[in-house]
Protein backbone atom coordinates (compact mmCIF):
# COMPACT_ATOMS: atom_id res chain seq x y z
CA MET A 1 -10.85 -26.57 -6.94
CA PRO A 2 -13.51 -29.52 -7.54
CA PRO A 3 -16.45 -29.51 -5.20
CA ALA A 4 -16.18 -31.78 -2.18
CA SER A 5 -17.87 -35.03 -1.97
CA LYS A 6 -20.19 -35.10 1.10
CA VAL A 7 -18.72 -37.66 3.51
CA ASP A 8 -20.92 -36.41 6.54
CA VAL A 9 -24.42 -37.88 5.17
CA GLU A 10 -25.59 -41.02 6.55
CA GLY A 11 -25.32 -43.79 3.94
CA VAL A 12 -22.32 -42.18 2.07
CA SER A 13 -19.23 -44.63 2.49
CA GLY A 14 -16.72 -42.12 1.57
CA GLY A 15 -15.61 -39.27 -0.31
CA SER A 16 -13.21 -36.31 -0.94
CA ASP A 17 -12.67 -32.81 0.13
CA SER A 18 -11.91 -29.92 -1.75
CA PHE A 19 -8.18 -30.67 -1.52
CA GLY A 20 -8.25 -33.98 -3.05
CA ASN A 21 -7.98 -36.05 0.14
CA THR A 22 -10.13 -39.23 0.06
CA TYR A 23 -11.91 -40.98 2.95
CA GLU A 24 -13.37 -44.10 3.24
CA SER A 25 -15.82 -42.71 5.65
CA THR A 26 -16.89 -40.00 8.01
CA GLY A 27 -14.93 -41.62 10.87
CA ASP A 28 -12.14 -42.14 8.53
CA MET A 29 -11.91 -38.47 7.60
CA TRP A 30 -12.10 -37.52 11.23
CA GLN A 31 -9.29 -39.70 12.18
CA LYS A 32 -7.10 -38.51 9.59
CA GLU A 33 -7.98 -34.81 10.21
CA LEU A 34 -7.72 -34.93 14.02
CA GLY A 35 -4.59 -36.76 13.77
CA LYS A 36 -3.01 -33.59 12.17
CA ALA A 37 -4.28 -31.59 15.37
CA ASN A 38 -1.14 -32.01 17.05
CA PRO A 39 -0.69 -28.62 18.97
CA THR A 40 3.35 -28.96 18.68
CA SER A 41 3.35 -29.80 15.04
CA LYS A 42 3.30 -26.56 12.57
CA LYS A 43 1.62 -28.86 10.07
CA GLY A 44 -1.60 -29.70 12.08
CA TRP A 45 -4.62 -27.37 12.56
CA TYR A 46 -3.50 -25.79 15.82
CA GLY A 47 0.40 -25.55 14.83
CA LYS A 48 -0.71 -23.60 11.58
CA ALA A 49 -2.87 -21.38 13.68
CA VAL A 50 -0.07 -20.61 16.15
CA VAL A 51 2.28 -19.93 13.33
CA TYR A 52 -0.14 -17.54 11.68
CA TRP A 53 -1.16 -15.42 14.66
CA ASP A 54 2.56 -15.34 15.82
CA GLY A 55 2.93 -13.14 12.76
CA VAL A 56 -0.17 -11.02 13.15
CA ASP A 57 -0.21 -7.65 15.12
CA ALA A 58 -2.32 -7.77 18.45
CA THR A 59 -4.30 -4.78 17.19
CA VAL A 60 -8.08 -4.48 15.76
CA ASP A 61 -6.31 -3.95 12.27
CA GLY A 62 -4.13 -7.03 12.79
CA VAL A 63 -6.78 -9.30 13.75
CA LEU A 64 -9.13 -8.19 10.93
CA GLY A 65 -6.10 -8.71 8.25
CA GLY A 66 -5.96 -4.82 7.69
CA PHE A 67 -9.47 -4.12 7.83
CA GLY A 68 -9.90 -2.24 10.89
CA HIS A 69 -11.30 0.51 9.12
CA VAL A 70 -14.65 -1.45 8.83
CA THR A 71 -15.53 -1.13 12.18
CA GLY A 72 -17.59 2.24 11.65
CA VAL A 73 -19.56 0.51 9.01
CA ASP A 74 -20.02 -2.76 10.97
CA LEU A 75 -21.37 -0.82 13.99
CA LYS A 76 -23.71 1.19 11.61
CA GLU A 77 -24.95 -1.67 9.86
CA SER A 78 -25.37 -3.89 13.09
CA ASP A 79 -27.24 -0.94 14.64
CA ALA A 80 -29.71 -0.64 11.69
CA PHE A 81 -30.20 -4.48 11.83
CA LEU A 82 -31.19 -4.50 15.32
CA LYS A 83 -33.49 -1.57 14.50
CA GLN A 84 -35.09 -3.36 11.74
CA LEU A 85 -35.77 -6.37 13.90
CA GLN A 86 -37.12 -4.11 16.74
CA ALA A 87 -39.37 -2.24 13.86
CA ASP A 88 -40.42 -5.74 12.55
CA GLY A 89 -41.46 -7.02 16.09
CA HIS A 90 -38.81 -9.65 15.94
CA LEU A 91 -36.78 -8.08 18.84
CA VAL A 92 -38.39 -6.69 21.69
CA MET A 93 -36.70 -4.40 24.08
CA SER A 94 -37.49 -4.02 28.13
CA ASP A 95 -35.43 -2.82 30.98
CA ASP A 96 -34.02 -6.20 31.62
CA SER A 97 -33.31 -7.13 27.99
CA ARG A 98 -29.89 -8.80 27.65
CA ALA A 99 -27.42 -9.35 24.71
CA VAL A 100 -25.37 -12.44 23.99
CA ASP A 101 -22.50 -11.85 21.35
CA CYS A 102 -22.26 -15.47 19.68
CA GLY A 103 -19.78 -14.17 16.93
CA ALA A 104 -16.34 -15.41 16.47
CA GLY A 105 -14.77 -11.70 16.41
CA ILE A 106 -12.82 -9.78 19.19
CA GLY A 107 -15.75 -8.01 20.69
CA ARG A 108 -16.06 -4.52 18.36
CA ILE A 109 -19.72 -4.95 18.05
CA THR A 110 -20.22 -5.85 21.85
CA GLU A 111 -18.03 -3.00 23.09
CA GLY A 112 -19.28 -0.28 20.29
CA LEU A 113 -23.21 -1.24 20.37
CA LEU A 114 -24.45 -3.96 22.50
CA THR A 115 -23.05 -2.57 25.58
CA LYS A 116 -24.53 0.75 24.91
CA MET A 117 -28.12 -1.06 23.72
CA PHE A 118 -28.42 -3.57 26.75
CA LYS A 119 -28.01 -3.43 30.25
CA LYS A 120 -26.78 -6.78 30.61
């Protein structure tokens, strides 16, 4: 695929995306793309997601596309990362330290690591 032309930079009047779609402006891009977002349409963003997730097992392995076995490695490396942040002084722990999981996952790291390291 050719690299996409940027259409989100002020002063750029148009461009194209990596799929070859062309847009006159950023507004034109969003109007066209959001027009595909009809949740009842199997062609739109949401419709494609529904079709995809309907065919996926509701398990860790299913959600991770067959990579459920990486959970142990993810936990180990996340723990090492947080310990390195502590050692470098970027993460200071106290009795009332809190954790916020801002990931887009399914809570494996929160459940397997953060709930054990933080009280809140």
